[in-house]
Amino acid sequence: MPSGGPSLARDSGVIEAACTLLNQSQSTQIKQLCGVVCASLIAMLLKNNERKKLAIESGVIDALLNLLITYPLDNISMSHIWAIFIFTYSSSNEIRLLLISKNTFKALFRLFDHPNVFIVNRAVVSISNILLAGIDTTLASQPHPHFAYVQGCDGIQKLFALFQKNLSQCSRNFCVICICSLIRAKELPNEVK
């Protein structure tokens, strides 16, 4: 039994069931249930780092990321992005570092092409939240500790392109925050000048 007692053991069972459902989300009926599962995850994980860690270790984040990477963009709903966002919101550095290790950036940058501005906004805010991990572990004159992960997804260019789209004030603000966090004391690369 997990260390949190009966409540966490129950949550563990719910998380494992959610992971199974998300991994089997091929039929239309199952896809519809995924929205309900994502809404339940949001309620369960809100501001609870212990449950977030359990969900990550149980494979829920892997299933959600797979969904965000493989579903057609038009099939990705608000409940899907909120389920990812909740992992980044008010999370500890430990949770953020676990998300980085799962290559979360790739799925989030893909959502920059989503037709729904609110989903795009949640994606860029999620990236900003994740980038908070480790920002205070290096000098401002040094690269962000996770610069390579973002650059591996062509992230700086994608952030700059989203900024230039002028999609919303939220996306513009958070693109600037992300770019400044990543670049810090360095000069902007030529492709974003």
Protein backbone atom coordinates (compact mmCIF):
# COMPACT_ATOMS: atom_id res chain seq x y z
CA MET A 1 0.00 0.00 0.00
CA PRO A 2 1.35 3.50 -0.81
CA SER A 3 2.59 5.50 2.17
CA GLY A 4 -0.42 7.86 2.17
CA GLY A 5 -2.80 5.26 3.63
CA PRO A 6 -6.20 4.17 2.31
CA SER A 7 -6.95 7.39 0.43
CA LEU A 8 -3.72 7.23 -1.56
CA ALA A 9 -4.23 3.49 -2.15
CA ARG A 10 -7.69 4.25 -3.58
CA ASP A 11 -6.19 7.07 -5.67
CA SER A 12 -3.55 4.66 -6.91
CA GLY A 13 -6.27 2.33 -8.19
CA VAL A 14 -8.07 5.22 -9.89
CA ILE A 15 -4.82 6.40 -11.46
CA GLU A 16 -4.01 2.90 -12.75
CA ALA A 17 -7.52 2.59 -14.23
CA ALA A 18 -7.14 6.02 -15.87
CA CYS A 19 -3.80 4.99 -17.33
CA THR A 20 -5.31 1.81 -18.79
CA LEU A 21 -8.23 3.72 -20.29
CA LEU A 22 -6.00 6.40 -21.80
CA ASN A 23 -3.75 3.77 -23.35
CA GLN A 24 -6.74 2.06 -24.98
CA SER A 25 -8.33 5.23 -26.37
CA GLN A 26 -8.89 4.02 -29.94
CA SER A 27 -12.68 3.66 -30.15
CA THR A 28 -14.99 6.67 -30.20
CA GLN A 29 -16.72 5.57 -27.01
CA ILE A 30 -13.40 5.18 -25.18
CA LYS A 31 -12.24 8.57 -26.48
CA GLN A 32 -15.34 10.17 -25.00
CA LEU A 33 -14.63 8.50 -21.66
CA CYS A 34 -11.10 9.94 -21.80
CA GLY A 35 -12.56 13.40 -21.32
CA VAL A 36 -14.32 12.23 -18.16
CA VAL A 37 -11.13 10.54 -16.95
CA CYS A 38 -9.12 13.70 -17.58
CA ALA A 39 -11.65 15.77 -15.63
CA SER A 40 -11.39 13.31 -12.73
CA LEU A 41 -7.60 13.50 -12.83
CA ILE A 42 -7.74 17.28 -12.66
CA ALA A 43 -9.86 17.18 -9.50
CA MET A 44 -7.69 14.51 -7.90
CA LEU A 45 -4.31 16.05 -8.69
CA LEU A 46 -4.95 19.74 -8.08
CA LYS A 47 -2.16 21.06 -5.84
CA ASN A 48 -1.28 17.57 -4.58
CA ASN A 49 2.33 16.71 -5.40
CA GLU A 50 2.18 13.26 -3.82
CA ARG A 51 -0.71 12.23 -6.08
CA LYS A 52 0.96 13.85 -9.11
CA LYS A 53 4.11 11.82 -8.46
CA LEU A 54 2.06 8.63 -8.11
CA ALA A 55 0.25 9.39 -11.39
CA ILE A 56 3.54 10.04 -13.20
CA GLU A 57 5.11 6.86 -11.85
CA SER A 58 1.97 4.86 -12.76
CA GLY A 59 2.24 5.89 -16.40
CA VAL A 60 -0.66 8.35 -16.60
CA ILE A 61 1.56 11.13 -17.93
CA ASP A 62 3.01 8.76 -20.55
CA ALA A 63 -0.51 7.88 -21.71
CA LEU A 64 -1.56 11.56 -21.81
CA LEU A 65 1.56 12.55 -23.72
CA ASN A 66 1.02 9.71 -26.19
CA LEU A 67 -2.54 10.94 -26.69
CA LEU A 68 -1.34 14.51 -27.32
CA ILE A 69 1.29 13.33 -29.79
CA THR A 70 -0.79 10.81 -31.74
CA TYR A 71 -4.36 12.19 -31.78
CA PRO A 72 -5.30 14.49 -34.64
CA LEU A 73 -5.14 18.04 -33.26
CA ASP A 74 -8.88 18.57 -33.78
CA ASN A 75 -9.60 15.62 -31.46
CA ILE A 76 -7.59 17.05 -28.56
CA SER A 77 -9.97 18.74 -26.15
CA MET A 78 -9.74 21.18 -23.28
CA SER A 79 -9.94 18.31 -20.79
CA HIS A 80 -6.81 16.75 -22.31
CA ILE A 81 -4.69 19.90 -22.02
CA TRP A 82 -6.07 20.69 -18.56
CA ALA A 83 -5.05 17.20 -17.42
CA ILE A 84 -1.47 17.95 -18.55
CA PHE A 85 -1.56 21.52 -17.24
CA ILE A 86 -2.57 20.36 -13.77
CA PHE A 87 0.70 18.40 -13.52
CA THR A 88 2.62 21.67 -14.05
CA TYR A 89 0.45 23.95 -11.90
CA SER A 90 1.67 24.59 -8.34
CA SER A 91 4.03 21.65 -8.67
CA SER A 92 7.26 21.00 -6.87
CA ASN A 93 10.58 20.98 -8.69
CA GLU A 94 10.57 17.19 -8.28
CA ILE A 95 7.33 16.93 -10.29
CA ARG A 96 8.59 19.37 -12.93
CA LEU A 97 11.84 17.41 -13.30
CA LEU A 98 9.87 14.18 -13.70
CA LEU A 99 7.85 15.87 -16.46
CA ILE A 100 11.04 16.97 -18.21
CA SER A 101 12.35 13.41 -18.05
CA LYS A 102 9.16 12.27 -19.83
CA ASN A 103 9.87 14.58 -22.81
CA THR A 104 6.74 16.62 -22.12
CA PHE A 105 7.98 19.52 -24.27
CA LYS A 106 7.49 17.60 -27.53
CA ALA A 107 3.75 17.13 -26.93
CA LEU A 108 3.24 20.68 -25.67
CA PHE A 109 5.02 22.29 -28.62
CA ARG A 110 2.85 20.24 -30.98
CA LEU A 111 -0.22 21.90 -29.46
CA PHE A 112 0.97 25.32 -30.70
CA ASP A 113 -0.72 24.37 -34.00
CA HIS A 114 -4.07 23.57 -32.36
CA PRO A 115 -7.02 25.59 -33.72
CA ASN A 116 -8.33 26.37 -30.21
CA VAL A 117 -6.55 29.40 -28.71
CA PHE A 118 -7.30 28.25 -25.15
CA ILE A 119 -5.51 24.94 -25.73
CA VAL A 120 -2.52 26.80 -27.19
CA ASN A 121 -2.50 29.12 -24.17
CA ARG A 122 -2.53 26.20 -21.70
CA ALA A 123 0.31 24.55 -23.63
CA VAL A 124 2.60 27.60 -23.45
CA VAL A 125 1.71 28.25 -19.78
CA SER A 126 2.52 24.59 -19.04
CA ILE A 127 5.92 24.99 -20.70
CA SER A 128 6.55 28.11 -18.63
CA ASN A 129 5.59 26.26 -15.44
CA ILE A 130 7.91 23.36 -16.25
CA LEU A 131 10.80 25.73 -16.99
CA LEU A 132 10.60 27.00 -13.40
CA ALA A 133 12.36 23.77 -12.39
CA GLY A 134 16.01 24.47 -11.96
CA ILE A 135 15.94 28.11 -13.03
CA ASP A 136 17.54 29.13 -9.75
CA THR A 137 20.23 26.43 -9.89
CA THR A 138 22.45 28.24 -12.38
CA LEU A 139 23.79 31.76 -12.71
CA ALA A 140 21.84 34.16 -14.92
CA SER A 141 24.88 34.31 -17.21
CA GLN A 142 24.63 30.55 -17.85
CA PRO A 143 22.11 28.77 -20.08
CA HIS A 144 18.90 27.52 -18.52
CA PRO A 145 19.51 23.98 -17.22
CA HIS A 146 16.82 22.60 -19.56
CA PHE A 147 17.74 24.66 -22.62
CA ALA A 148 18.92 21.54 -24.50
CA TYR A 149 15.57 19.76 -23.99
CA VAL A 150 13.66 22.70 -25.42
CA GLN A 151 16.12 23.28 -28.24
CA GLY A 152 15.92 19.57 -29.09
CA CYS A 153 12.27 20.21 -30.01
CA ASP A 154 13.18 23.39 -31.93
CA GLY A 155 11.42 25.06 -29.02
CA ILE A 156 12.94 28.54 -29.17
CA GLN A 157 11.88 28.88 -32.80
CA LYS A 158 8.38 27.56 -32.03
CA LEU A 159 7.99 29.95 -29.10
CA PHE A 160 9.09 32.85 -31.27
CA ALA A 161 6.75 31.79 -34.11
CA LEU A 162 3.82 31.59 -31.67
CA PHE A 163 4.74 35.03 -30.32
CA GLN A 164 4.70 36.41 -33.88
CA LYS A 165 1.26 34.90 -34.57
CA ASN A 166 -0.16 37.34 -32.01
CA LEU A 167 -2.78 34.70 -31.16
CA SER A 168 -3.58 36.11 -27.72
CA GLN A 169 -2.02 38.34 -25.08
CA CYS A 170 -1.63 35.28 -22.86
CA SER A 171 0.36 33.32 -25.46
CA ARG A 172 2.52 36.37 -26.26
CA ASN A 173 3.29 37.04 -22.60
CA PHE A 174 4.19 33.45 -21.80
CA CYS A 175 6.25 33.05 -24.98
CA VAL A 176 8.34 36.02 -23.86
CA ILE A 177 8.67 34.58 -20.35
CA CYS A 178 9.80 31.21 -21.77
CA ILE A 179 12.25 32.71 -24.26
CA CYS A 180 13.77 35.02 -21.63
CA SER A 181 14.05 32.14 -19.14
CA LEU A 182 15.80 29.97 -21.72
CA ILE A 183 18.06 32.54 -23.38
CA ARG A 184 18.84 34.58 -20.25
CA ALA A 185 22.12 36.45 -20.77
CA LYS A 186 22.74 35.03 -24.24
CA GLU A 187 22.09 36.75 -27.54
CA LEU A 188 18.99 35.64 -29.44
CA PRO A 189 19.72 33.07 -32.14
CA ASN A 190 19.62 34.44 -35.70
CA GLU A 191 16.46 32.51 -36.57
CA VAL A 192 14.45 34.46 -34.00
CA LYS A 193 15.80 37.95 -34.70
